[in-house]
């Protein structure tokens, strides 16, 4: 489950272009037709036919206007009925959806007409592993294999039909899940079957001494490369536990992990702890064993009107995430400092890196 791409609409009249998004609707041109697509109901309506559509944009009153090649603006249909699309003023929904029109031929139909897909930035909890679900091979089978001979190593989990624990890239149970979740967020999976090599470029820290909640707080807040999607493995009073970070604040940490509950093996949790509670609940003993992360400060490219793709700067890694546009001079016609996108930007970027 990398960036999700779900086919929503296949062109009916010609090539798709001029895609705009606001609240829970899309507006775009399909040939000479203006189409509105409702993301909540997956229904679409044809708003009218107009020759030479070159642009669609949003007015401040939340109406849409489309422009033809001669610069004529339309806000009414040919039959005189009002065709302005009025949309809710509450902005984007909680799980913001951003769309793009695919130009790759593999997405085109037999007539060469290109559909579009919705792109959803990866957020935790993942849709296929919500809180309360289980990281297992067969969702219908209870995970009762822990401690048994055929479920005592990751290799057993990789091939044994009797071991139902989830497995990924050389890890199982909590370890496999943390590796999987980090790779989903970074839109990347290393080719190595054993995941990222110990001591490799993606390793941020290892064997960090922590003997109190304050030590944990200091480490997470003072390490810039540690943040959303970072893999962390801690040493516990019995064994170790792996997790990924959902959020770090001054008061606590949000954790996304699996197999932390002894009473419910392989259950997935998404939970916020104070640093004191995190330290005591995890029964951390002496150290944070390993921290792995992508430094998303490599090249950037515009993804849509809100985000740009920020790539991992390590070699030819190829991992990326979505970051919001930011400008040193925010406004309605601002330039993103990182990708060069020009448009409405209100996030402030520092004058120096």
Protein backbone atom coordinates (compact mmCIF):
# COMPACT_ATOMS: atom_id res chain seq x y z
CA UNK A 1 0.00 0.00 0.00
CA UNK A 2 2.18 2.77 -1.26
CA UNK A 3 0.54 5.99 -2.35
CA UNK A 4 -2.93 4.75 -3.06
CA UNK A 5 -4.12 5.00 -6.63
CA UNK A 6 -7.78 4.20 -7.09
CA UNK A 7 -9.36 4.63 -10.51
CA UNK A 8 -12.27 7.02 -10.13
CA UNK A 9 -13.28 8.10 -13.60
CA UNK A 10 -12.43 7.13 -17.16
CA UNK A 11 -12.68 9.81 -19.83
CA UNK A 12 -15.95 9.73 -21.76
CA UNK A 13 -15.45 12.43 -24.39
CA UNK A 14 -11.73 13.16 -24.87
CA UNK A 15 -8.58 13.89 -22.90
CA UNK A 16 -8.82 14.84 -19.23
CA UNK A 17 -7.25 18.13 -18.13
CA UNK A 18 -7.58 21.18 -15.85
CA UNK A 19 -8.07 19.21 -12.64
CA UNK A 20 -9.14 21.22 -9.58
CA UNK A 21 -9.98 19.96 -6.09
CA UNK A 22 -11.88 21.54 -3.23
CA UNK A 23 -13.58 19.98 -0.20
CA UNK A 24 -14.98 16.62 -1.36
CA UNK A 25 -15.37 17.36 -5.07
CA UNK A 26 -13.25 17.39 -8.20
CA UNK A 27 -13.78 19.57 -11.24
CA UNK A 28 -12.06 18.89 -14.55
CA UNK A 29 -12.52 19.02 -18.30
CA UNK A 30 -13.23 15.87 -20.29
CA UNK A 31 -12.75 16.92 -23.88
CA UNK A 32 -15.11 19.89 -24.22
CA UNK A 33 -17.21 18.85 -21.23
CA UNK A 34 -16.88 20.21 -17.69
CA UNK A 35 -17.29 17.40 -15.15
CA UNK A 36 -17.86 17.53 -11.43
CA UNK A 37 -16.98 14.37 -9.47
CA UNK A 38 -18.20 13.87 -5.90
CA UNK A 39 -15.51 12.02 -3.89
CA UNK A 40 -17.98 11.13 -1.15
CA UNK A 41 -20.54 9.41 -3.37
CA UNK A 42 -18.33 8.55 -6.40
CA UNK A 43 -20.99 10.11 -8.64
CA UNK A 44 -20.26 12.56 -11.42
CA UNK A 45 -22.29 15.14 -13.34
CA UNK A 46 -21.76 16.81 -16.70
CA UNK A 47 -22.03 20.58 -16.13
CA UNK A 48 -22.00 21.60 -19.78
CA UNK A 49 -20.19 21.60 -23.11
CA UNK A 50 -17.76 24.40 -23.95
CA UNK A 51 -15.28 24.61 -26.81
CA UNK A 52 -11.57 25.08 -26.18
CA UNK A 53 -11.45 24.82 -22.39
CA UNK A 54 -8.01 25.95 -21.24
CA UNK A 55 -8.39 26.54 -17.52
CA UNK A 56 -10.61 25.93 -14.51
CA UNK A 57 -10.13 27.88 -11.32
CA UNK A 58 -11.75 28.56 -7.97
CA UNK A 59 -13.22 31.95 -7.10
CA UNK A 60 -13.10 33.40 -3.58
CA UNK A 61 -16.85 32.82 -3.20
CA UNK A 62 -16.23 29.07 -3.68
CA UNK A 63 -17.58 29.01 -7.21
CA UNK A 64 -15.76 27.51 -10.16
CA UNK A 65 -15.15 29.30 -13.46
CA UNK A 66 -13.85 27.75 -16.66
CA UNK A 67 -12.05 29.65 -19.41
CA UNK A 68 -11.80 28.95 -23.15
CA UNK A 69 -8.88 29.50 -25.53
CA UNK A 70 -10.07 33.03 -26.32
CA UNK A 71 -10.08 34.00 -22.65
CA UNK A 72 -13.88 33.95 -22.35
CA UNK A 73 -15.03 32.97 -18.86
CA UNK A 74 -18.09 30.79 -18.43
CA UNK A 75 -20.29 30.68 -15.38
CA UNK A 76 -23.56 29.73 -17.07
CA UNK A 77 -24.55 26.86 -19.31
CA UNK A 78 -25.56 27.37 -22.94
CA UNK A 79 -29.25 27.06 -22.06
CA UNK A 80 -28.99 29.92 -19.59
CA UNK A 81 -29.27 27.88 -16.40
CA UNK A 82 -26.85 28.68 -13.62
CA UNK A 83 -23.83 26.40 -13.93
CA UNK A 84 -21.61 27.79 -11.19
CA UNK A 85 -20.60 25.04 -8.77
CA UNK A 86 -20.90 26.07 -5.14
CA UNK A 87 -18.98 23.94 -2.66
CA UNK A 88 -18.74 23.71 1.15
CA UNK A 89 -16.60 26.27 2.93
CA UNK A 90 -15.14 23.89 5.48
CA UNK A 91 -12.10 23.14 3.37
CA UNK A 92 -10.57 19.75 2.80
CA UNK A 93 -11.80 16.65 4.57
CA UNK A 94 -9.75 15.09 7.35
CA UNK A 95 -8.12 12.55 5.05
CA UNK A 96 -7.17 14.94 2.29
CA UNK A 97 -7.30 13.50 -1.20
CA UNK A 98 -5.20 14.85 -4.01
CA UNK A 99 -5.58 13.78 -7.59
CA UNK A 100 -3.58 13.69 -10.73
CA UNK A 101 -4.27 12.78 -14.34
CA UNK A 102 -2.15 9.86 -15.45
CA UNK A 103 -0.29 10.25 -18.70
CA UNK A 104 1.32 6.81 -18.59
CA UNK A 105 -0.03 4.60 -21.35
CA UNK A 106 -0.61 1.73 -18.95
CA UNK A 107 -3.53 3.67 -17.52
CA UNK A 108 -5.03 4.55 -20.91
CA UNK A 109 -7.94 2.71 -22.42
CA UNK A 110 -8.06 1.12 -25.88
CA UNK A 111 -8.80 4.50 -27.46
CA UNK A 112 -5.81 6.16 -25.81
CA UNK A 113 -8.03 8.24 -23.52
CA UNK A 114 -6.39 8.73 -20.14
CA UNK A 115 -8.31 8.29 -16.85
CA UNK A 116 -7.26 9.82 -13.56
CA UNK A 117 -6.61 8.38 -10.14
CA UNK A 118 -6.86 9.81 -6.65
CA UNK A 119 -3.59 10.07 -4.72
CA UNK A 120 -3.76 9.92 -0.94
CA UNK A 121 -0.68 10.82 1.13
CA UNK A 122 0.12 7.88 3.39
CA UNK A 123 -1.04 8.48 6.94
CA UNK A 124 -1.16 6.28 10.03
CA UNK A 125 -2.98 4.15 10.82
CA UNK A 126 -2.82 2.52 7.39
CA UNK A 127 -6.21 1.71 5.89
CA UNK A 128 -5.39 -2.00 5.66
CA UNK A 129 -4.14 -2.09 9.26
CA UNK A 130 -6.38 0.15 11.37
CA UNK A 131 -6.12 0.13 15.15
CA UNK A 132 -7.61 -3.08 16.47
CA UNK A 133 -6.76 -5.12 13.39
CA UNK A 134 -4.06 -7.79 13.39
CA UNK A 135 -0.76 -8.12 11.54
CA UNK A 136 -1.32 -11.70 10.45
CA UNK A 137 -1.30 -13.79 7.27
CA UNK A 138 -4.92 -14.88 7.55
CA UNK A 139 -7.23 -12.33 9.14
CA UNK A 140 -9.84 -14.99 9.85
CA UNK A 141 -7.41 -17.11 11.91
CA UNK A 142 -6.65 -16.27 15.54
CA UNK A 143 -2.96 -15.75 16.26
CA UNK A 144 -2.33 -18.49 18.84
CA UNK A 145 1.06 -19.67 17.59
CA UNK A 146 3.35 -17.48 19.71
CA UNK A 147 5.98 -19.43 21.61
CA UNK A 148 5.53 -22.61 19.63
CA UNK A 149 8.42 -24.21 17.75
CA UNK A 150 7.04 -23.34 14.31
CA UNK A 151 6.65 -19.68 15.31
CA UNK A 152 9.91 -18.95 17.08
CA UNK A 153 11.88 -17.15 14.34
CA UNK A 154 11.16 -14.83 11.41
CA UNK A 155 12.14 -17.58 9.00
CA UNK A 156 9.46 -19.83 10.46
CA UNK A 157 6.91 -17.07 9.97
CA UNK A 158 8.01 -16.66 6.35
CA UNK A 159 7.26 -20.22 5.33
CA UNK A 160 5.35 -22.11 8.03
CA UNK A 161 1.65 -22.56 7.33
CA UNK A 162 1.08 -23.03 11.06
CA UNK A 163 2.60 -19.68 12.04
CA UNK A 164 0.01 -16.99 11.31
CA UNK A 165 2.15 -14.02 12.37
CA UNK A 166 2.65 -11.30 9.78
CA UNK A 167 6.05 -11.27 8.08
CA UNK A 168 7.92 -8.61 6.11
CA UNK A 169 11.51 -8.19 4.93
CA UNK A 170 13.19 -10.50 7.43
CA UNK A 171 11.03 -9.49 10.40
CA UNK A 172 7.82 -10.80 11.94
CA UNK A 173 5.35 -9.74 14.63
CA UNK A 174 6.26 -6.22 15.90
CA UNK A 175 9.49 -6.09 13.90
CA UNK A 176 7.89 -7.05 10.59
CA UNK A 177 5.03 -4.60 11.10
CA UNK A 178 7.29 -1.64 11.96
CA UNK A 179 9.42 -2.29 8.88
CA UNK A 180 6.32 -2.57 6.72
CA UNK A 181 4.71 0.62 8.05
CA UNK A 182 7.88 2.67 7.60
CA UNK A 183 8.25 1.51 4.00
CA UNK A 184 4.62 2.31 3.24
CA UNK A 185 5.06 5.86 4.49
CA UNK A 186 8.27 6.33 2.49
CA UNK A 187 6.77 4.81 -0.70
CA UNK A 188 9.80 2.57 -0.82
CA UNK A 189 10.86 -0.98 -0.13
CA UNK A 190 14.56 -1.92 -0.13
CA UNK A 191 15.44 -4.77 -2.46
CA UNK A 192 17.32 -6.58 0.28
CA UNK A 193 15.28 -9.36 1.87
CA UNK A 194 16.79 -8.35 5.22
CA UNK A 195 15.60 -4.73 4.96
CA UNK A 196 18.07 -1.88 5.60
CA UNK A 197 21.54 -3.15 6.59
CA UNK A 198 22.69 -2.42 10.12
CA UNK A 199 24.94 0.63 10.15
CA UNK A 200 23.76 1.71 6.70
CA UNK A 201 23.03 5.24 5.53
CA UNK A 202 19.41 5.12 6.75
CA UNK A 203 20.43 4.36 10.33
CA UNK A 204 20.02 7.48 12.47
CA UNK A 205 21.15 6.09 15.81
CA UNK A 206 21.89 2.87 17.64
CA UNK A 207 22.25 1.83 21.27
CA UNK A 208 21.24 5.21 22.66
CA UNK A 209 21.36 5.11 26.46
CA UNK A 210 18.01 6.01 28.02
CA UNK A 211 17.40 5.51 31.72
CA UNK A 212 14.44 7.85 32.23
CA UNK A 213 11.47 9.43 30.51
CA UNK A 214 13.47 12.66 30.25
CA UNK A 215 16.15 10.79 28.29
CA UNK A 216 13.49 9.59 25.87
CA UNK A 217 12.02 13.08 25.51
CA UNK A 218 15.42 14.64 24.91
CA UNK A 219 16.34 12.11 22.22
CA UNK A 220 13.11 12.39 20.24
CA UNK A 221 12.90 16.16 20.43
CA UNK A 222 16.58 16.85 19.77
CA UNK A 223 17.11 14.55 16.78
CA UNK A 224 15.89 16.40 13.64
CA UNK A 225 15.77 13.33 11.40
CA UNK A 226 13.42 11.50 13.78
CA UNK A 227 9.76 12.15 13.04
CA UNK A 228 6.66 10.84 11.32
CA UNK A 229 7.29 7.40 9.83
CA UNK A 230 10.57 6.77 11.67
CA UNK A 231 11.31 3.19 12.75
CA UNK A 232 12.35 2.76 16.39
CA UNK A 233 13.33 -0.39 18.29
CA UNK A 234 13.66 -0.20 22.07
CA UNK A 235 15.22 -2.60 24.53
CA UNK A 236 12.70 -3.80 27.09
CA UNK A 237 13.03 -5.65 30.36
CA UNK A 238 12.26 -8.73 28.28
CA UNK A 239 13.40 -8.63 24.66
CA UNK A 240 12.89 -5.67 22.31
CA UNK A 241 9.93 -3.95 20.67
CA UNK A 242 9.77 -2.22 17.28
CA UNK A 243 7.39 0.59 16.30
CA UNK A 244 6.97 3.55 14.00
CA UNK A 245 6.36 7.13 15.07
CA UNK A 246 3.07 8.86 14.28
CA UNK A 247 3.83 12.18 15.96
CA UNK A 248 6.29 13.82 18.33
CA UNK A 249 5.27 16.76 20.50
CA UNK A 250 6.64 18.49 23.58
CA UNK A 251 4.32 16.45 25.77
CA UNK A 252 4.45 13.00 24.23
CA UNK A 253 4.69 10.61 21.31
CA UNK A 254 2.17 8.82 19.11
CA UNK A 255 3.12 5.24 18.32
CA UNK A 256 1.92 2.87 15.59
CA UNK A 257 2.86 -0.73 16.33
CA UNK A 258 1.77 -4.35 16.47
CA UNK A 259 2.07 -7.22 18.94
CA UNK A 260 2.53 -5.02 22.00
CA UNK A 261 -0.44 -6.48 23.84
CA UNK A 262 0.21 -9.81 25.54
CA UNK A 263 -3.51 -10.46 25.80
CA UNK A 264 -4.13 -9.96 22.07
CA UNK A 265 -1.17 -11.25 20.00
CA UNK A 266 -0.30 -9.33 16.83
CA UNK A 267 -2.97 -6.66 17.44
CA UNK A 268 -2.26 -3.28 15.81
CA UNK A 269 -2.31 -0.19 18.03
CA UNK A 270 -2.20 3.54 17.31
CA UNK A 271 -1.78 5.29 20.60
CA UNK A 272 -0.48 8.55 22.09
CA UNK A 273 1.63 8.39 25.24
CA UNK A 274 3.15 10.97 27.51
CA UNK A 275 6.91 10.44 27.67
CA UNK A 276 6.53 9.12 31.20
CA UNK A 277 3.85 6.66 30.13
CA UNK A 278 5.81 5.62 27.04
CA UNK A 279 8.89 4.89 29.14
CA UNK A 280 6.96 2.90 31.77
CA UNK A 281 4.54 1.09 29.43
CA UNK A 282 7.31 -0.04 27.11
CA UNK A 283 9.31 -1.09 30.20
CA UNK A 284 12.34 0.37 28.46
CA UNK A 285 15.58 -1.02 29.81
CA UNK A 286 18.78 0.94 29.18
CA UNK A 287 18.57 1.80 25.51
CA UNK A 288 16.94 2.64 22.22
CA UNK A 289 18.47 -0.12 20.14
CA UNK A 290 18.02 1.20 16.62
CA UNK A 291 16.45 4.15 14.77
CA UNK A 292 15.96 4.13 10.98
CA UNK A 293 14.64 7.04 8.89
CA UNK A 294 14.66 8.69 5.48
CA UNK A 295 16.03 12.25 5.32
CA UNK A 296 13.41 13.79 3.04
CA UNK A 297 15.58 16.75 2.08
CA UNK A 298 16.55 15.66 -1.41
CA UNK A 299 15.09 16.87 -4.69
CA UNK A 300 11.48 18.04 -4.82
CA UNK A 301 8.76 18.23 -7.43
CA UNK A 302 5.25 19.63 -7.39
CA UNK A 303 2.56 17.04 -6.67
CA UNK A 304 -0.51 19.30 -6.57
CA UNK A 305 -1.65 22.69 -5.29
CA UNK A 306 -0.99 21.80 -1.65
CA UNK A 307 1.93 19.39 -1.62
CA UNK A 308 5.25 18.67 -3.27
CA UNK A 309 7.08 15.37 -3.31
CA UNK A 310 10.22 15.47 -1.19
CA UNK A 311 12.65 12.67 -1.99
CA UNK A 312 15.09 10.92 0.32
CA UNK A 313 18.55 12.41 -0.14
CA UNK A 314 20.41 9.13 0.38
CA UNK A 315 21.99 7.98 -2.88
CA UNK A 316 19.49 6.44 -5.28
CA UNK A 317 17.06 5.47 -2.51
CA UNK A 318 13.96 6.73 -4.31
CA UNK A 319 11.81 7.02 -1.18
CA UNK A 320 9.64 10.12 -0.86
CA UNK A 321 6.93 11.76 1.16
CA UNK A 322 4.49 14.65 0.63
CA UNK A 323 5.27 17.99 2.28
CA UNK A 324 3.15 21.13 2.19
CA UNK A 325 4.28 24.05 0.07
CA UNK A 326 5.99 26.84 2.00
CA UNK A 327 7.17 30.28 0.94
CA UNK A 328 9.42 32.99 2.33
CA UNK A 329 6.71 35.45 1.25
CA UNK A 330 3.35 33.67 1.78
CA UNK A 331 0.24 34.87 0.00
CA UNK A 332 -2.24 34.17 -2.78
CA UNK A 333 0.41 34.25 -5.49
CA UNK A 334 3.43 32.95 -3.61
CA UNK A 335 6.29 30.74 -4.75
CA UNK A 336 7.15 27.54 -2.90
CA UNK A 337 10.76 27.75 -1.76
CA UNK A 338 11.28 24.04 -2.30
CA UNK A 339 9.59 23.10 -5.59
CA UNK A 340 8.85 26.43 -7.31
CA UNK A 341 5.07 25.97 -7.37
CA UNK A 342 3.27 29.31 -7.69
CA UNK A 343 -0.13 29.73 -6.10
CA UNK A 344 -1.86 30.27 -2.78
CA UNK A 345 0.65 29.37 -0.03
CA UNK A 346 0.39 30.37 3.61
CA UNK A 347 3.08 28.22 5.23
CA UNK A 348 6.19 30.25 6.07
CA UNK A 349 9.56 28.90 4.90
CA UNK A 350 12.77 30.04 6.64
CA UNK A 351 14.93 32.50 4.76
CA UNK A 352 17.89 30.17 5.23
CA UNK A 353 17.99 26.39 5.42
